[in-house]
Protein backbone atom coordinates (compact mmCIF):
# COMPACT_ATOMS: atom_id res chain seq x y z
CA MET A 1 41.28 231.31 -123.49
CA ASN A 2 44.55 232.75 -122.59
CA PHE A 3 46.98 230.78 -120.98
CA VAL A 4 48.40 232.54 -117.97
CA TRP A 5 51.94 231.22 -116.94
CA GLU A 6 52.14 232.68 -113.74
CA ASN A 7 48.72 231.55 -112.56
CA PHE A 8 49.36 228.12 -113.71
CA VAL A 9 52.93 227.99 -111.51
CA ILE A 10 51.13 230.01 -108.47
CA GLN A 11 48.60 226.83 -108.87
CA LEU A 12 51.36 224.41 -109.00
CA VAL A 13 52.87 225.48 -106.21
CA ALA A 14 49.88 225.82 -104.08
CA PHE A 15 48.66 222.39 -105.11
CA ALA A 16 52.13 221.07 -103.88
CA ILE A 17 51.77 222.58 -100.59
CA LEU A 18 48.51 221.40 -100.40
CA PHE A 19 49.49 217.86 -101.19
CA LEU A 20 52.55 218.11 -98.78
CA LEU A 21 50.26 219.72 -96.16
CA LEU A 22 47.67 216.67 -96.77
CA GLN A 23 50.24 214.10 -96.83
CA ARG A 24 51.95 215.23 -93.51
CA PHE A 25 48.70 216.15 -91.58
CA ALA A 26 46.11 214.03 -93.30
CA LEU A 27 47.23 210.88 -95.33
CA LYS A 28 50.28 210.08 -92.87
CA PRO A 29 47.73 209.32 -90.07
CA LEU A 30 45.54 207.98 -92.31
CA PHE A 31 48.03 205.23 -93.65
CA GLY A 32 49.21 204.82 -90.06
CA ILE A 33 45.49 204.26 -88.69
CA MET A 34 44.98 201.84 -91.73
CA GLU A 35 48.47 199.99 -91.05
CA LYS A 36 47.28 199.68 -87.38
CA ARG A 37 43.80 198.20 -88.47
CA ARG A 38 45.79 195.85 -91.00
CA GLN A 39 48.07 194.46 -88.08
CA THR A 40 44.84 194.03 -86.00
CA VAL A 41 43.11 192.24 -88.52
CA LEU A 42 46.53 189.92 -89.05
CA GLU A 43 46.73 189.48 -85.41
CA GLN A 44 42.95 188.72 -84.84
CA MET A 45 43.69 186.07 -88.02
CA GLU A 46 46.66 184.58 -86.23
CA SER A 47 44.63 184.55 -83.14
CA ALA A 48 41.73 182.60 -84.74
CA GLN A 49 43.98 180.00 -86.45
CA LYS A 50 45.84 179.82 -82.75
CA ASN A 51 42.51 179.21 -81.39
CA ARG A 52 41.23 176.84 -84.29
CA ALA A 53 44.31 174.61 -83.80
CA GLU A 54 43.68 174.58 -79.73
CA ALA A 55 39.98 173.68 -80.51
CA ASP A 56 41.21 170.99 -82.73
CA GLN A 57 43.41 169.84 -80.11
CA TYR A 58 40.90 169.87 -77.37
CA ILE A 59 38.52 168.03 -79.51
CA GLU A 60 41.49 165.23 -80.66
CA GLU A 61 42.31 165.23 -76.48
CA GLN A 62 38.26 164.83 -75.90
CA LYS A 63 37.77 161.86 -78.35
CA GLN A 64 41.00 160.10 -77.02
CA ALA A 65 39.69 160.45 -73.44
CA LEU A 66 36.31 159.35 -74.49
CA GLN A 67 38.08 156.34 -76.14
CA GLN A 68 39.86 155.81 -72.64
CA ALA A 69 36.38 156.05 -70.76
CA ARG A 70 35.05 153.85 -73.09
CA LYS A 71 37.99 151.13 -72.87
CA GLU A 72 38.08 151.24 -69.21
CA ALA A 73 34.27 150.87 -68.75
CA HIS A 74 34.39 147.68 -71.14
CA ASP A 75 37.58 146.46 -69.11
CA ILE A 76 35.24 146.56 -65.81
CA ILE A 77 32.21 145.17 -67.15
CA GLU A 78 34.60 142.50 -68.07
CA GLN A 79 35.90 142.12 -64.89
CA ALA A 80 32.78 142.21 -63.24
CA LYS A 81 31.60 139.37 -65.37
CA THR A 82 34.62 137.31 -64.64
CA THR A 83 34.34 138.14 -60.73
CA GLY A 84 30.83 137.33 -60.92
CA SER A 85 31.38 134.06 -62.81
CA ARG A 86 34.43 133.22 -60.11
CA GLN A 87 32.06 134.02 -57.48
CA ALA A 88 29.16 131.73 -58.78
CA ASP A 89 31.71 128.92 -59.14
CA ASP A 90 32.75 129.70 -55.51
CA ILE A 91 29.21 129.34 -54.35
CA ILE A 92 28.50 125.93 -56.21
CA LEU A 93 31.71 124.75 -54.99
CA SER A 94 30.60 125.74 -51.28
CA ALA A 95 27.37 124.30 -51.66
CA ARG A 96 28.55 120.89 -53.21
CA ASN A 97 31.18 120.38 -49.96
CA GLU A 98 28.48 121.74 -47.80
CA ALA A 99 26.11 118.68 -49.25
CA THR A 100 29.24 116.14 -49.31
CA ARG A 101 29.75 117.56 -45.62
CA LEU A 102 25.90 116.91 -44.48
CA LYS A 103 26.08 113.72 -46.16
CA GLU A 104 28.87 112.45 -44.56
CA GLU A 105 27.52 113.59 -41.27
CA ALA A 106 24.16 111.94 -41.81
CA VAL A 107 25.92 108.53 -42.98
CA ARG A 108 28.01 108.73 -39.71
CA GLU A 109 25.00 109.51 -37.87
CA ILE A 110 23.06 106.72 -39.38
CA GLU A 111 25.89 104.30 -38.81
CA SER A 112 26.14 105.44 -35.35
CA GLU A 113 22.35 104.70 -34.71
CA LYS A 114 22.69 101.38 -36.59
CA ASN A 115 25.99 100.61 -34.15
CA LYS A 116 23.67 101.65 -31.03
CA ALA A 117 20.72 99.47 -32.46
CA ILE A 118 23.25 96.46 -32.76
CA ALA A 119 24.40 97.20 -29.29
CA ASP A 120 20.86 97.18 -27.91
CA LEU A 121 19.91 93.97 -29.94
CA LYS A 122 22.83 92.01 -28.84
CA ALA A 123 22.39 93.11 -25.54
CA GLN A 124 18.60 92.20 -25.42
CA VAL A 125 19.79 88.77 -27.50
CA SER A 126 22.53 88.21 -24.60
CA GLY A 127 19.40 89.18 -22.23
CA LEU A 128 17.29 86.56 -24.05
CA SER A 129 19.76 83.96 -24.23
CA VAL A 130 20.46 83.97 -20.13
CA LEU A 131 16.71 83.81 -20.04
CA ILE A 132 16.69 80.99 -22.61
CA ALA A 133 19.38 79.33 -20.52
CA SER A 134 17.80 79.60 -17.19
CA LYS A 135 14.36 78.17 -18.60
CA ILE A 136 16.32 75.51 -20.00
CA ILE A 137 18.14 74.96 -16.77
CA GLU A 138 14.84 75.22 -14.95
CA LYS A 139 13.08 72.38 -17.35
CA GLN A 140 16.00 69.91 -17.71
CA VAL A 141 14.57 69.58 -21.23
CA ASP A 142 15.65 67.24 -23.89
CA GLU A 143 18.03 68.75 -26.93
CA SER A 144 14.84 68.86 -29.62
CA THR A 145 12.90 70.85 -26.50
CA GLN A 146 15.50 73.04 -26.16
CA SER A 147 16.02 74.08 -29.86
CA GLN A 148 12.43 74.55 -30.27
CA ILE A 149 12.96 76.95 -27.02
CA VAL A 150 16.07 78.81 -28.98
CA ASP A 151 14.09 79.17 -32.17
CA LYS A 152 11.19 80.62 -30.83
CA TYR A 153 12.97 83.30 -28.52
CA LEU A 154 14.82 84.11 -31.84
CA GLN A 155 11.86 84.44 -33.99
CA GLU A 156 10.41 87.13 -31.27
CA VAL A 157 13.71 88.85 -31.23
CA GLY A 158 13.39 88.90 -35.18
CA SER A 159 9.89 90.05 -34.96
CA LYS A 160 10.84 93.27 -32.46
CA SER A 161 13.66 94.67 -34.45
């Protein structure tokens, strides 16, 4: 085989021209597209990391909100228990006061009725005393008869009351 320098140089020049043309029109745009793709992938990765950080922050906020809601619910339950207990105590105290008031009122009514009965009894006794006195005066009896009549009327008054 014969080595021809002229062909070698022509092929070398053709290869260099082809390489320059390929680099200018094919490889440069191809590398540009690849660089854009690399930038897009980097942006997507950064966006994904940012979204993950936001999601983690949101999850943490939700956990805190849930914990706060549980605390508030617990506080509301405790407050309801306290209020219920206080209301029960108030109702019991009110019932006791009402019972005491009714008892005192009943005692006053009994005392009033007793006083009326005593007054009526006194009126009856005084009427009977006048009646006894008039009968004693009518009969003009001695002292022993008078004592017997008084005792008899007092027994009648005692049996009526």
